[in-house]
Amino acid sequence: MAVAQALHSNRADAVGEIVTEANVPALNAALADRGIDAGRIISILPVAAQTLMTAAPAQFRVLYRAH
């Protein structure tokens, strides 16, 4: 008899996040380094560059399904 497992959608480690430079080669390298395949990616969000107080380049914020 199969035992049903509860889906734990409120786990703190259910979703992972990484931030990379806003270019495709850097994004692909970061995903490959962490072993994240396309099927696990939830969203890739652009983060605008900051130019006033502290200069920061544009970035990608990647949300993915953790193991």
N, C-alpha and C. Protein backbone atom coordinates (compact mmCIF):
# COMPACT_ATOMS: atom_id res chain seq x y z
N MET A 1 0.85 -1.18 0.00
CA MET A 1 0.00 0.00 0.00
C MET A 1 0.90 1.24 0.00
N ALA A 2 0.61 2.19 -0.85
CA ALA A 2 1.40 3.41 -0.96
C ALA A 2 1.02 4.39 0.14
N VAL A 3 2.02 5.04 0.68
CA VAL A 3 1.80 6.04 1.71
C VAL A 3 1.89 7.42 1.06
N ALA A 4 0.87 8.22 1.26
CA ALA A 4 0.86 9.57 0.68
C ALA A 4 1.75 10.49 1.50
N GLN A 5 2.54 11.30 0.81
CA GLN A 5 3.37 12.27 1.49
C GLN A 5 2.72 13.64 1.37
N ALA A 6 2.73 14.38 2.44
CA ALA A 6 2.18 15.73 2.43
C ALA A 6 3.13 16.65 1.67
N LEU A 7 2.57 17.54 0.88
CA LEU A 7 3.37 18.53 0.17
C LEU A 7 3.66 19.67 1.12
N HIS A 8 4.92 19.91 1.40
CA HIS A 8 5.32 20.95 2.33
C HIS A 8 5.68 22.21 1.57
N SER A 9 4.68 22.98 1.22
CA SER A 9 4.92 24.18 0.42
C SER A 9 5.40 25.36 1.25
N ASN A 10 5.35 25.26 2.54
CA ASN A 10 5.77 26.38 3.38
C ASN A 10 7.16 26.16 3.99
N ARG A 11 7.92 25.22 3.45
CA ARG A 11 9.28 25.00 3.94
C ARG A 11 10.14 26.19 3.56
N ALA A 12 11.02 26.56 4.44
CA ALA A 12 11.91 27.70 4.18
C ALA A 12 12.90 27.40 3.07
N ASP A 13 13.24 26.13 2.88
CA ASP A 13 14.23 25.77 1.87
C ASP A 13 13.61 25.26 0.58
N ALA A 14 12.31 25.46 0.37
CA ALA A 14 11.64 24.98 -0.84
C ALA A 14 12.02 25.79 -2.06
N VAL A 15 12.36 27.05 -1.87
CA VAL A 15 12.75 27.93 -2.97
C VAL A 15 14.13 28.50 -2.68
N GLY A 16 15.02 28.36 -3.67
CA GLY A 16 16.36 28.92 -3.54
C GLY A 16 16.46 30.20 -4.35
N GLU A 17 17.49 30.97 -4.07
CA GLU A 17 17.68 32.24 -4.76
C GLU A 17 19.17 32.48 -5.01
N ILE A 18 19.49 32.94 -6.20
CA ILE A 18 20.85 33.38 -6.50
C ILE A 18 20.75 34.71 -7.23
N VAL A 19 21.81 35.49 -7.15
CA VAL A 19 21.88 36.78 -7.84
C VAL A 19 23.15 36.76 -8.68
N THR A 20 23.01 37.08 -9.96
CA THR A 20 24.15 37.07 -10.87
C THR A 20 24.22 38.39 -11.62
N GLU A 21 25.33 38.56 -12.35
CA GLU A 21 25.43 39.71 -13.25
C GLU A 21 24.34 39.58 -14.32
N ALA A 22 23.92 40.70 -14.86
CA ALA A 22 22.82 40.70 -15.83
C ALA A 22 23.32 40.44 -17.24
N ASN A 23 23.96 39.30 -17.44
CA ASN A 23 24.30 38.87 -18.79
C ASN A 23 24.15 37.36 -18.86
N VAL A 24 23.85 36.87 -20.05
CA VAL A 24 23.52 35.45 -20.22
C VAL A 24 24.69 34.53 -19.89
N PRO A 25 25.92 34.81 -20.31
CA PRO A 25 27.02 33.90 -19.93
C PRO A 25 27.20 33.78 -18.41
N ALA A 26 27.09 34.87 -17.68
CA ALA A 26 27.23 34.83 -16.22
C ALA A 26 26.06 34.06 -15.59
N LEU A 27 24.87 34.25 -16.12
CA LEU A 27 23.69 33.53 -15.63
C LEU A 27 23.86 32.03 -15.86
N ASN A 28 24.24 31.64 -17.06
CA ASN A 28 24.43 30.21 -17.36
C ASN A 28 25.53 29.59 -16.51
N ALA A 29 26.61 30.32 -16.29
CA ALA A 29 27.70 29.81 -15.47
C ALA A 29 27.25 29.60 -14.02
N ALA A 30 26.49 30.55 -13.48
CA ALA A 30 26.01 30.42 -12.10
C ALA A 30 25.06 29.23 -11.96
N LEU A 31 24.20 29.04 -12.94
CA LEU A 31 23.26 27.91 -12.89
C LEU A 31 24.02 26.58 -13.01
N ALA A 32 24.99 26.52 -13.90
CA ALA A 32 25.77 25.29 -14.07
C ALA A 32 26.60 24.98 -12.83
N ASP A 33 27.19 26.00 -12.20
CA ASP A 33 27.99 25.79 -10.98
C ASP A 33 27.16 25.18 -9.86
N ARG A 34 25.89 25.53 -9.80
CA ARG A 34 25.01 25.04 -8.73
C ARG A 34 24.18 23.83 -9.14
N GLY A 35 24.33 23.39 -10.38
CA GLY A 35 23.59 22.21 -10.86
C GLY A 35 22.10 22.45 -11.01
N ILE A 36 21.73 23.66 -11.36
CA ILE A 36 20.31 24.02 -11.51
C ILE A 36 19.95 23.90 -12.98
N ASP A 37 19.01 23.00 -13.30
CA ASP A 37 18.58 22.86 -14.68
C ASP A 37 17.35 23.72 -14.96
N ALA A 38 16.99 23.86 -16.21
CA ALA A 38 15.91 24.76 -16.63
C ALA A 38 14.56 24.38 -16.00
N GLY A 39 14.34 23.11 -15.74
CA GLY A 39 13.08 22.67 -15.16
C GLY A 39 12.85 23.13 -13.73
N ARG A 40 13.90 23.50 -13.03
CA ARG A 40 13.78 23.95 -11.63
C ARG A 40 13.63 25.46 -11.50
N ILE A 41 13.86 26.21 -12.57
CA ILE A 41 13.79 27.66 -12.50
C ILE A 41 12.34 28.11 -12.41
N ILE A 42 12.06 28.94 -11.42
CA ILE A 42 10.73 29.51 -11.24
C ILE A 42 10.63 30.85 -11.96
N SER A 43 11.63 31.69 -11.75
CA SER A 43 11.59 33.04 -12.32
C SER A 43 12.99 33.63 -12.38
N ILE A 44 13.20 34.46 -13.40
CA ILE A 44 14.42 35.25 -13.51
C ILE A 44 13.99 36.71 -13.57
N LEU A 45 14.33 37.45 -12.52
CA LEU A 45 13.88 38.83 -12.39
C LEU A 45 15.04 39.80 -12.60
N PRO A 46 14.86 40.80 -13.44
CA PRO A 46 15.93 41.79 -13.60
C PRO A 46 15.95 42.74 -12.40
N VAL A 47 17.14 43.07 -11.94
CA VAL A 47 17.32 44.03 -10.86
C VAL A 47 18.06 45.21 -11.48
N ALA A 48 17.45 46.37 -11.42
CA ALA A 48 18.02 47.56 -12.07
C ALA A 48 19.33 47.97 -11.42
N ALA A 49 20.17 48.56 -12.22
CA ALA A 49 21.44 49.10 -11.70
C ALA A 49 21.15 50.32 -10.83
N GLN A 50 22.05 50.59 -9.91
CA GLN A 50 21.95 51.77 -9.05
C GLN A 50 23.06 52.72 -9.43
N THR A 51 22.71 53.99 -9.58
CA THR A 51 23.72 54.95 -10.01
C THR A 51 23.91 56.11 -9.05
N LEU A 52 23.09 56.21 -8.02
CA LEU A 52 23.21 57.38 -7.14
C LEU A 52 24.26 57.18 -6.06
N MET A 53 23.86 56.78 -4.89
CA MET A 53 24.76 56.69 -3.74
C MET A 53 25.88 55.67 -3.94
N THR A 54 25.51 54.44 -4.21
CA THR A 54 26.47 53.37 -4.39
C THR A 54 26.26 52.77 -5.77
N ALA A 55 27.24 52.84 -6.60
CA ALA A 55 27.10 52.29 -7.95
C ALA A 55 27.08 50.77 -7.89
N ALA A 56 26.08 50.19 -8.53
CA ALA A 56 25.96 48.73 -8.60
C ALA A 56 25.46 48.38 -10.00
N PRO A 57 26.04 47.36 -10.62
CA PRO A 57 25.61 46.98 -11.96
C PRO A 57 24.24 46.29 -11.94
N ALA A 58 23.63 46.21 -13.10
CA ALA A 58 22.37 45.47 -13.22
C ALA A 58 22.62 44.00 -12.91
N GLN A 59 21.61 43.34 -12.35
CA GLN A 59 21.74 41.94 -11.96
C GLN A 59 20.49 41.17 -12.31
N PHE A 60 20.60 39.84 -12.30
CA PHE A 60 19.46 38.95 -12.40
C PHE A 60 19.26 38.29 -11.04
N ARG A 61 18.02 38.26 -10.58
CA ARG A 61 17.66 37.53 -9.36
C ARG A 61 16.92 36.29 -9.83
N VAL A 62 17.45 35.12 -9.52
CA VAL A 62 16.91 33.86 -10.01
C VAL A 62 16.29 33.10 -8.83
N LEU A 63 15.00 32.76 -8.97
CA LEU A 63 14.32 31.93 -7.99
C LEU A 63 14.17 30.54 -8.59
N TYR A 64 14.50 29.50 -7.81
CA TYR A 64 14.45 28.14 -8.33
C TYR A 64 13.96 27.18 -7.24
N ARG A 65 13.47 26.03 -7.70
CA ARG A 65 13.02 24.99 -6.76
C ARG A 65 14.23 24.29 -6.19
N ALA A 66 14.32 24.29 -4.87
CA ALA A 66 15.41 23.59 -4.20
C ALA A 66 15.07 22.10 -4.15
N HIS A 67 16.06 21.28 -3.87
CA HIS A 67 15.86 19.82 -3.82
C HIS A 67 14.94 19.44 -2.72
